[in-house]
Amino acid sequence: MDTLDEMLGRHLLSPEQHADISAWVVAGRTPEAIMAMPPHLWRALTLASALMNIDADLTQPPPLGRDEAV
């Protein structure tokens, strides 16, 4: 939920979108249920994710010297 809160703080999601997406995720409890989120909420979440460049963060290799066994 921290990411959703950051999206709200950066004004990438409206308070209503934030509340609706948060409620959907909490109620969903499974990846399948979350994936059934209404299209208008997916669009808002996808746009906010793109503006925050979240995909780039997820595809970065770990920092050098970091022990992967930890």
Protein backbone atom coordinates (compact mmCIF):
# COMPACT_ATOMS: atom_id res chain seq x y z
CA MET A 1 0.00 0.00 0.00
CA ASP A 2 3.01 2.30 0.36
CA THR A 3 3.21 2.61 -3.42
CA LEU A 4 -0.46 3.57 -3.63
CA ASP A 5 0.09 6.14 -0.89
CA GLU A 6 3.06 7.55 -2.80
CA MET A 7 0.93 7.75 -5.97
CA LEU A 8 -1.65 9.72 -4.01
CA GLY A 9 1.01 11.96 -2.49
CA ARG A 10 2.39 12.73 -5.95
CA HIS A 11 -1.15 13.50 -7.17
CA LEU A 12 -0.99 10.64 -9.70
CA LEU A 13 -4.17 9.16 -8.21
CA SER A 14 -7.16 11.09 -6.96
CA PRO A 15 -8.26 10.45 -3.38
CA GLU A 16 -11.27 8.56 -4.78
CA GLN A 17 -9.10 6.37 -7.04
CA HIS A 18 -6.72 5.70 -4.15
CA ALA A 19 -9.58 4.66 -1.88
CA ASP A 20 -11.22 2.49 -4.55
CA ILE A 21 -7.98 0.73 -5.53
CA SER A 22 -6.96 0.23 -1.90
CA ALA A 23 -10.35 -1.23 -1.03
CA TRP A 24 -10.22 -3.53 -4.06
CA VAL A 25 -6.77 -4.85 -3.12
CA VAL A 26 -7.72 -5.42 0.52
CA ALA A 27 -10.97 -7.17 -0.42
CA GLY A 28 -9.34 -9.18 -3.21
CA ARG A 29 -6.93 -11.19 -1.07
CA THR A 30 -5.80 -13.27 -4.08
CA PRO A 31 -3.95 -12.28 -7.24
CA GLU A 32 -6.89 -13.51 -9.32
CA ALA A 33 -9.36 -11.36 -7.41
CA ILE A 34 -7.09 -8.31 -7.65
CA MET A 35 -6.69 -8.90 -11.41
CA ALA A 36 -10.48 -8.60 -11.72
CA MET A 37 -10.24 -4.91 -10.78
CA PRO A 38 -12.53 -2.75 -12.93
CA PRO A 39 -10.90 -1.38 -16.10
CA HIS A 40 -11.14 2.28 -15.04
CA LEU A 41 -9.13 1.54 -11.90
CA TRP A 42 -6.55 -0.49 -13.89
CA ARG A 43 -6.10 2.43 -16.27
CA ALA A 44 -5.50 4.84 -13.40
CA LEU A 45 -3.08 2.45 -11.70
CA THR A 46 -1.23 1.71 -14.95
CA LEU A 47 -0.82 5.39 -15.76
CA ALA A 48 0.40 6.23 -12.26
CA SER A 49 2.83 3.29 -12.41
CA ALA A 50 4.19 4.46 -15.76
CA LEU A 51 4.62 8.02 -14.49
CA MET A 52 6.54 6.72 -11.47
CA ASN A 53 8.60 4.44 -13.76
CA ILE A 54 7.87 1.46 -11.51
CA ASP A 55 8.74 -1.09 -14.20
CA ALA A 56 12.29 0.28 -14.38
CA ASP A 57 12.66 -0.15 -10.62
CA LEU A 58 11.50 -3.76 -10.80
CA THR A 59 13.90 -4.71 -13.59
CA GLN A 60 17.07 -3.28 -12.01
CA PRO A 61 19.73 -5.79 -10.97
CA PRO A 62 20.64 -5.84 -7.28
CA PRO A 63 23.36 -3.41 -6.21
CA LEU A 64 26.94 -4.68 -6.58
CA GLY A 65 28.29 -6.37 -3.52
CA ARG A 66 24.89 -7.34 -2.21
CA ASP A 67 24.74 -10.90 -0.93
CA GLU A 68 21.91 -12.63 -2.80
CA ALA A 69 21.68 -15.38 -0.19
CA VAL A 70 20.34 -12.95 2.42
